[in-house]
C-alpha atoms as a PDB file:
ATOM      1  CA  MET A   1      70.433  98.647  50.175  1.00  0.00           C
ATOM      2  CA  ASP A   2      73.507  99.923  51.824  1.00  0.00           C
ATOM      3  CA  PRO A   3      73.563  99.358  55.998  1.00  0.00           C
ATOM      4  CA  VAL A   4      74.399 103.088  57.789  1.00  0.00           C
ATOM      5  CA  VAL A   5      77.052 102.229  60.415  1.00  0.00           C
ATOM      6  CA  VAL A   6      76.817 104.698  63.636  1.00  0.00           C
ATOM      7  CA  GLU A   7      80.182 105.277  65.409  1.00  0.00           C
ATOM      8  CA  ILE A   8      79.321 104.965  69.408  1.00  0.00           C
ATOM      9  CA  VAL A   9      82.337 107.327  69.887  1.00  0.00           C
ATOM     10  CA  ASP A  10      80.313 110.326  68.288  1.00  0.00           C
ATOM     11  CA  ALA A  11      77.017 109.719  69.720  1.00  0.00           C
ATOM     12  CA  PRO A  12      76.084 111.566  72.627  1.00  0.00           C
ATOM     13  CA  ASP A  13      75.371 109.981  75.741  1.00  0.00           C
ATOM     14  CA  ASP A  14      71.627 111.360  76.338  1.00  0.00           C
ATOM     15  CA  ARG A  15      70.959 108.940  79.491  1.00  0.00           C
ATOM     16  CA  TRP A  16      69.872 110.676  82.757  1.00  0.00           C
ATOM     17  CA  TYR A  17      71.874 109.070  85.815  1.00  0.00           C
ATOM     18  CA  LEU A  18      70.732 109.571  89.516  1.00  0.00           C
ATOM     19  CA  CYS A  19      72.438 112.115  91.610  1.00  0.00           C
ATOM     20  CA  THR A  20      74.136 109.838  94.595  1.00  0.00           C
ATOM     21  CA  LYS A  21      72.691 112.564  97.040  1.00  0.00           C
ATOM     22  CA  CYS A  22      69.734 113.500  96.483  1.00  0.00           C
ATOM     23  CA  PHE A  23      68.649 111.171  93.934  1.00  0.00           C
ATOM     24  CA  GLN A  24      67.717 113.408  91.056  1.00  0.00           C
ATOM     25  CA  ARG A  25      68.564 112.660  87.593  1.00  0.00           C
ATOM     26  CA  PHE A  26      71.376 114.329  85.309  1.00  0.00           C
ATOM     27  CA  LEU A  27      73.378 113.945  82.750  1.00  0.00           C
ATOM     28  CA  TRP A  28      76.632 111.888  82.718  1.00  0.00           C
ATOM     29  CA  VAL A  29      78.896 114.872  82.104  1.00  0.00           C
ATOM     30  CA  ASP A  30      76.935 117.251  85.078  1.00  0.00           C
ATOM     31  CA  LEU A  31      78.127 114.564  87.845  1.00  0.00           C
ATOM     32  CA  SER A  32      81.219 114.267  89.793  1.00  0.00           C
ATOM     33  CA  SER A  33      83.575 112.186  88.919  1.00  0.00           C
ATOM     34  CA  ARG A  34      84.407 110.445  91.851  1.00  0.00           C
ATOM     35  CA  GLN A  35      81.146 111.081  94.179  1.00  0.00           C
ATOM     36  CA  LEU A  36      78.613 110.961  91.307  1.00  0.00           C
ATOM     37  CA  ARG A  37      77.176 114.243  92.652  1.00  0.00           C
ATOM     38  CA  CYS A  38      75.896 116.682  91.102  1.00  0.00           C
ATOM     39  CA  ARG A  39      76.640 120.504  91.495  1.00  0.00           C
ATOM     40  CA  ARG A  40      74.532 121.218  93.669  1.00  0.00           C
ATOM     41  CA  CYS A  41      75.348 118.657  96.429  1.00  0.00           C
ATOM     42  CA  ARG A  42      79.079 118.488  95.651  1.00  0.00           C
ATOM     43  CA  LEU A  43      81.427 119.715  98.317  1.00  0.00           C
ATOM     44  CA  ALA A  44      84.544 121.635  96.943  1.00  0.00           C
ATOM     45  CA  ASP A  45      87.737 119.435  96.736  1.00  0.00           C
ATOM     46  CA  LYS A  46      89.968 119.393  99.824  1.00  0.00           C
ATOM     47  CA  GLN A  47      93.880 118.507 100.586  1.00  0.00           C
ATOM     48  CA  CYS A  48      94.065 115.491 103.377  1.00  0.00           C
ATOM     49  CA  ALA A  49      95.300 116.926 106.348  1.00  0.00           C
ATOM     50  CA  ILE A  50      97.852 113.910 105.794  1.00  0.00           C
ATOM     51  CA  CYS A  51      99.215 113.306 102.510  1.00  0.00           C
ATOM     52  CA  ASP A  52      97.940 116.375 101.151  1.00  0.00           C
ATOM     53  CA  GLN A  53      96.654 115.004  98.235  1.00  0.00           C
ATOM     54  CA  LEU A  54      93.181 116.549  96.939  1.00  0.00           C
ATOM     55  CA  PHE A  55      90.093 114.715  97.726  1.00  0.00           C
ATOM     56  CA  GLU A  56      86.209 115.154  97.029  1.00  0.00           C
ATOM     57  CA  PRO A  57      84.825 114.562 100.983  1.00  0.00           C
ATOM     58  CA  THR A  58      81.475 113.041 101.687  1.00  0.00           C
ATOM     59  CA  ASN A  59      80.805 115.099 104.224  1.00  0.00           C
ATOM     60  CA  GLY A  60      82.292 118.677 105.763  1.00  0.00           C
ATOM     61  CA  GLN A  61      84.093 118.084 108.403  1.00  0.00           C
ATOM     62  CA  GLN A  62      85.818 115.085 106.623  1.00  0.00           C
ATOM     63  CA  GLN A  63      89.906 115.732 106.521  1.00  0.00           C
ATOM     64  CA  TYR A  64      91.411 112.733 106.031  1.00  0.00           C
ATOM     65  CA  CYS A  65      91.432 111.156 102.709  1.00  0.00           C
ATOM     66  CA  LYS A  66      90.028 107.703 101.918  1.00  0.00           C
ATOM     67  CA  ARG A  67      93.500 105.745 102.020  1.00  0.00           C
ATOM     68  CA  CYS A  68      94.883 107.989 105.301  1.00  0.00           C
ATOM     69  CA  ASP A  69      91.290 107.104 106.954  1.00  0.00           C
ATOM     70  CA  TYR A  70      91.530 103.501 106.400  1.00  0.00           C
ATOM     71  CA  PHE A  71      95.048 103.150 107.475  1.00  0.00           C
ATOM     72  CA  LEU A  72      93.951 105.869 110.444  1.00  0.00           C
ATOM     73  CA  MET A  73      91.211 102.748 111.276  1.00  0.00           C
ATOM     74  CA  GLN A  74      93.849 100.428 110.838  1.00  0.00           C
ATOM     75  CA  HIS A  75      95.978 101.424 113.155  1.00  0.00           C
ATOM     76  CA  ALA A  76      94.512 103.541 116.015  1.00  0.00           C
ATOM     77  CA  PHE A  77      95.819 106.968 114.861  1.00  0.00           C
ATOM     78  CA  GLY A  78      99.599 104.983 116.918  1.00  0.00           C
ATOM     79  CA  GLN A  79     101.557 106.133 113.136  1.00  0.00           C
ATOM     80  CA  LYS A  80     101.521 107.980 109.822  1.00  0.00           C
ATOM     81  CA  PRO A  81     100.418 106.022 107.159  1.00  0.00           C
ATOM     82  CA  PRO A  82     103.540 104.811 104.605  1.00  0.00           C
ATOM     83  CA  PRO A  83     104.585 107.612 102.286  1.00  0.00           C
ATOM     84  CA  THR A  84     102.551 108.231  98.759  1.00  0.00           C
ATOM     85  CA  ARG A  85     104.436 106.964  95.451  1.00  0.00           C
ATOM     86  CA  GLU A  86     105.192 109.954  94.159  1.00  0.00           C
ATOM     87  CA  LYS A  87     106.047 111.248  98.544  1.00  0.00           C
ATOM     88  CA  ALA A  88     108.536 107.699  98.600  1.00  0.00           C
ATOM     89  CA  GLU A  89     110.184 108.575  94.983  1.00  0.00           C
ATOM     90  CA  LEU A  90     111.339 112.248  96.479  1.00  0.00           C
ATOM     91  CA  LEU A  91     112.500 110.598  99.597  1.00  0.00           C
ATOM     92  CA  LEU A  92     114.466 107.913  97.798  1.00  0.00           C
ATOM     93  CA  GLN A  93     115.611 110.704  95.301  1.00  0.00           C
ATOM     94  CA  LEU A  94     116.539 113.490  98.685  1.00  0.00           C
ATOM     95  CA  GLN A  95     118.391 110.278 100.409  1.00  0.00           C
ATOM     96  CA  LEU A  96     120.826 109.460  96.974  1.00  0.00           C
ATOM     97  CA  GLN A  97     121.558 113.473  96.516  1.00  0.00           C
ATOM     98  CA  LEU A  98     123.203 113.414 100.068  1.00  0.00           C
ATOM     99  CA  GLN A  99     124.088 109.490  99.979  1.00  0.00           C
ATOM    100  CA  LEU A 100     126.489 110.972  96.736  1.00  0.00           C
ATOM    101  CA  LYS A 101     127.461 114.422  98.352  1.00  0.00           C
ATOM    102  CA  THR A 102     128.264 113.064 101.624  1.00  0.00           C
ATOM    103  CA  PRO A 103     132.152 111.032 101.396  1.00  0.00           C
ATOM    104  CA  ALA A 104     132.224 107.447 101.974  1.00  0.00           C
ATOM    105  CA  GLY A 105     134.203 107.560 105.465  1.00  0.00           C
ATOM    106  CA  HIS A 106     132.914 110.978 106.705  1.00  0.00           C
ATOM    107  CA  ASN A 107     130.399 110.880 109.051  1.00  0.00           C
ATOM    108  CA  PRO A 108     128.248 114.399 109.058  1.00  0.00           C
ATOM    109  CA  SER A 109     128.359 116.894 112.723  1.00  0.00           C
ATOM    110  CA  VAL A 110     125.717 117.244 114.124  1.00  0.00           C
ATOM    111  CA  THR A 111     125.133 120.133 112.696  1.00  0.00           C
ATOM    112  CA  GLU A 112     125.622 119.351 109.381  1.00  0.00           C
ATOM    113  CA  ARG A 113     122.957 116.506 110.298  1.00  0.00           C
ATOM    114  CA  TRP A 114     120.356 119.197 110.838  1.00  0.00           C
ATOM    115  CA  ARG A 115     120.751 121.382 108.621  1.00  0.00           C
ATOM    116  CA  GLU A 116     120.874 118.668 105.915  1.00  0.00           C
ATOM    117  CA  ILE A 117     117.099 117.855 107.324  1.00  0.00           C
ATOM    118  CA  LYS A 118     115.958 121.120 107.086  1.00  0.00           C
ATOM    119  CA  CYS A 119     116.881 122.048 104.016  1.00  0.00           C
ATOM    120  CA  ALA A 120     115.195 118.601 102.930  1.00  0.00           C
ATOM    121  CA  ALA A 121     112.246 119.395 104.984  1.00  0.00           C
ATOM    122  CA  GLY A 122     112.140 123.017 103.328  1.00  0.00           C
ATOM    123  CA  LEU A 123     112.493 124.853 106.258  1.00  0.00           C
ATOM    124  CA  ALA A 124     114.080 128.749 106.396  1.00  0.00           C
ATOM    125  CA  GLU A 125     116.878 129.020 108.709  1.00  0.00           C
ATOM    126  CA  ASP A 126     116.832 130.418 112.045  1.00  0.00           C
ATOM    127  CA  VAL A 127     117.808 134.239 111.838  1.00  0.00           C
ATOM    128  CA  ASN A 128     115.588 134.888 114.246  1.00  0.00           C
ATOM    129  CA  LEU A 129     116.412 132.742 117.379  1.00  0.00           C
ATOM    130  CA  SER A 130     119.270 133.534 119.625  1.00  0.00           C
ATOM    131  CA  ASP A 131     121.950 131.452 121.237  1.00  0.00           C
END
Protein backbone atom coordinates (compact mmCIF):
# COMPACT_ATOMS: atom_id res chain seq x y z
CA MET A 1 0.00 0.00 0.00
CA ASP A 2 1.52 3.30 -1.13
CA PRO A 3 1.14 6.33 1.10
CA VAL A 4 -0.55 9.32 -0.54
CA VAL A 5 1.53 12.46 -0.52
CA VAL A 6 -0.48 15.68 -0.30
CA GLU A 7 1.23 18.91 -1.19
CA ILE A 8 0.28 21.72 1.16
CA VAL A 9 0.79 24.36 -1.51
CA ASP A 10 -2.05 23.03 -3.68
CA ALA A 11 -4.52 22.52 -0.85
CA PRO A 12 -6.95 25.45 -0.50
CA ASP A 13 -7.11 27.19 2.85
CA ASP A 14 -10.67 26.52 3.99
CA ARG A 15 -10.15 27.76 7.52
CA TRP A 16 -12.10 30.74 8.84
CA TYR A 17 -10.46 33.82 10.32
CA LEU A 18 -11.99 36.67 12.33
CA CYS A 19 -12.26 40.24 11.08
CA THR A 20 -10.45 42.47 13.59
CA LYS A 21 -13.30 44.99 13.68
CA CYS A 22 -16.65 43.16 13.43
CA PHE A 23 -15.34 39.72 14.57
CA GLN A 24 -17.24 37.81 11.90
CA ARG A 25 -15.66 34.81 10.22
CA PHE A 26 -14.16 35.07 6.71
CA LEU A 27 -11.68 33.22 4.54
CA TRP A 28 -8.11 34.45 4.65
CA VAL A 29 -8.23 35.79 1.10
CA ASP A 30 -11.26 37.96 1.98
CA LEU A 31 -9.39 39.86 4.72
CA SER A 32 -7.16 42.87 4.07
CA SER A 33 -3.44 42.25 4.25
CA ARG A 34 -2.58 44.96 6.79
CA GLN A 35 -5.46 45.37 9.23
CA LEU A 36 -7.10 41.94 8.62
CA ARG A 37 -10.52 43.50 8.05
CA CYS A 38 -13.40 42.27 5.90
CA ARG A 39 -14.65 44.17 2.86
CA ARG A 40 -17.37 45.97 4.82
CA CYS A 41 -15.04 47.13 7.62
CA ARG A 42 -12.05 47.96 5.43
CA LEU A 43 -11.25 51.62 4.79
CA ALA A 44 -9.76 52.79 1.50
CA ASP A 45 -6.01 53.30 1.37
CA LYS A 46 -4.87 56.87 1.97
CA GLN A 47 -1.66 58.74 1.26
CA CYS A 48 0.26 59.95 4.27
CA ALA A 49 0.20 63.75 4.54
CA ILE A 50 3.95 63.80 5.28
CA CYS A 51 5.71 61.02 3.36
CA ASP A 52 3.12 60.31 0.59
CA GLN A 53 3.16 56.55 1.19
CA LEU A 54 -0.07 54.57 0.88
CA PHE A 55 -1.37 53.15 4.15
CA GLU A 56 -4.56 51.53 5.43
CA PRO A 57 -6.05 53.86 8.08
CA THR A 58 -7.49 52.48 11.29
CA ASN A 59 -10.18 55.18 11.36
CA GLY A 60 -11.56 57.72 8.91
CA GLN A 61 -9.77 60.73 10.38
CA GLN A 62 -6.25 59.29 10.34
CA GLN A 63 -3.92 61.38 8.12
CA TYR A 64 -0.50 59.94 8.89
CA CYS A 65 1.02 56.48 8.46
CA LYS A 66 2.23 54.63 11.56
CA ARG A 67 5.84 55.66 10.95
CA CYS A 68 5.11 59.39 10.70
CA ASP A 69 2.56 59.27 13.53
CA TYR A 70 5.13 57.66 15.83
CA PHE A 71 7.72 60.25 14.82
CA LEU A 72 5.28 63.10 15.49
CA MET A 73 4.46 61.75 18.94
CA GLN A 74 8.13 61.37 19.82
CA HIS A 75 9.21 64.79 18.61
CA ALA A 76 6.01 66.73 19.38
CA PHE A 77 5.54 68.27 15.95
CA GLY A 78 8.93 69.99 16.07
CA GLN A 79 10.41 68.57 12.87
CA LYS A 80 9.51 66.36 9.93
CA PRO A 81 10.43 62.67 10.08
CA PRO A 82 13.50 61.56 8.16
CA PRO A 83 12.87 60.67 4.52
CA THR A 84 11.98 57.14 3.53
CA ARG A 85 14.63 55.01 1.87
CA GLU A 86 13.30 55.75 -1.64
CA LYS A 87 13.20 59.51 -1.07
CA ALA A 88 16.64 59.47 0.57
CA GLU A 89 18.11 57.68 -2.46
CA LEU A 90 16.42 60.17 -4.80
CA LEU A 91 17.77 63.14 -2.82
CA LEU A 92 21.25 61.63 -2.84
CA GLN A 93 21.11 61.19 -6.62
CA LEU A 94 19.99 64.81 -7.06
CA GLN A 95 22.82 66.04 -4.85
CA LEU A 96 25.35 64.00 -6.83
CA GLN A 97 23.99 65.39 -10.10
CA LEU A 98 24.27 68.94 -8.78
CA GLN A 99 27.86 68.32 -7.66
CA LEU A 100 28.77 66.94 -11.08
CA LYS A 101 27.24 69.95 -12.88
CA THR A 102 29.07 72.63 -10.90
CA PRO A 103 32.85 73.05 -11.28
CA ALA A 104 35.00 72.62 -8.18
CA GLY A 105 35.81 76.32 -7.58
CA HIS A 106 32.47 77.73 -8.77
CA ASN A 107 30.00 79.07 -6.19
CA PRO A 108 26.56 79.47 -7.78
CA SER A 109 24.77 82.78 -7.48
CA VAL A 110 21.54 83.14 -5.54
CA THR A 111 19.55 83.10 -8.80
CA GLU A 112 21.27 79.90 -10.02
CA ARG A 113 20.80 78.22 -6.66
CA TRP A 114 17.11 79.24 -6.57
CA ARG A 115 16.60 77.70 -10.03
CA GLU A 116 18.26 74.47 -8.86
CA ILE A 117 16.02 74.32 -5.78
CA LYS A 118 12.86 74.92 -7.82
CA CYS A 119 13.94 72.31 -10.38
CA ALA A 120 14.65 69.74 -7.65
CA ALA A 121 11.29 70.46 -6.01
CA GLY A 122 9.45 70.21 -9.32
CA LEU A 123 8.11 73.77 -9.21
CA ALA A 124 7.25 75.56 -12.45
CA GLU A 125 8.74 78.90 -13.42
CA ASP A 126 7.11 82.00 -11.95
CA VAL A 127 5.89 83.43 -15.29
CA ASN A 128 2.87 85.12 -13.76
CA LEU A 129 4.86 87.12 -11.23
CA SER A 130 6.12 90.55 -12.18
CA ASP A 131 9.26 92.23 -10.84
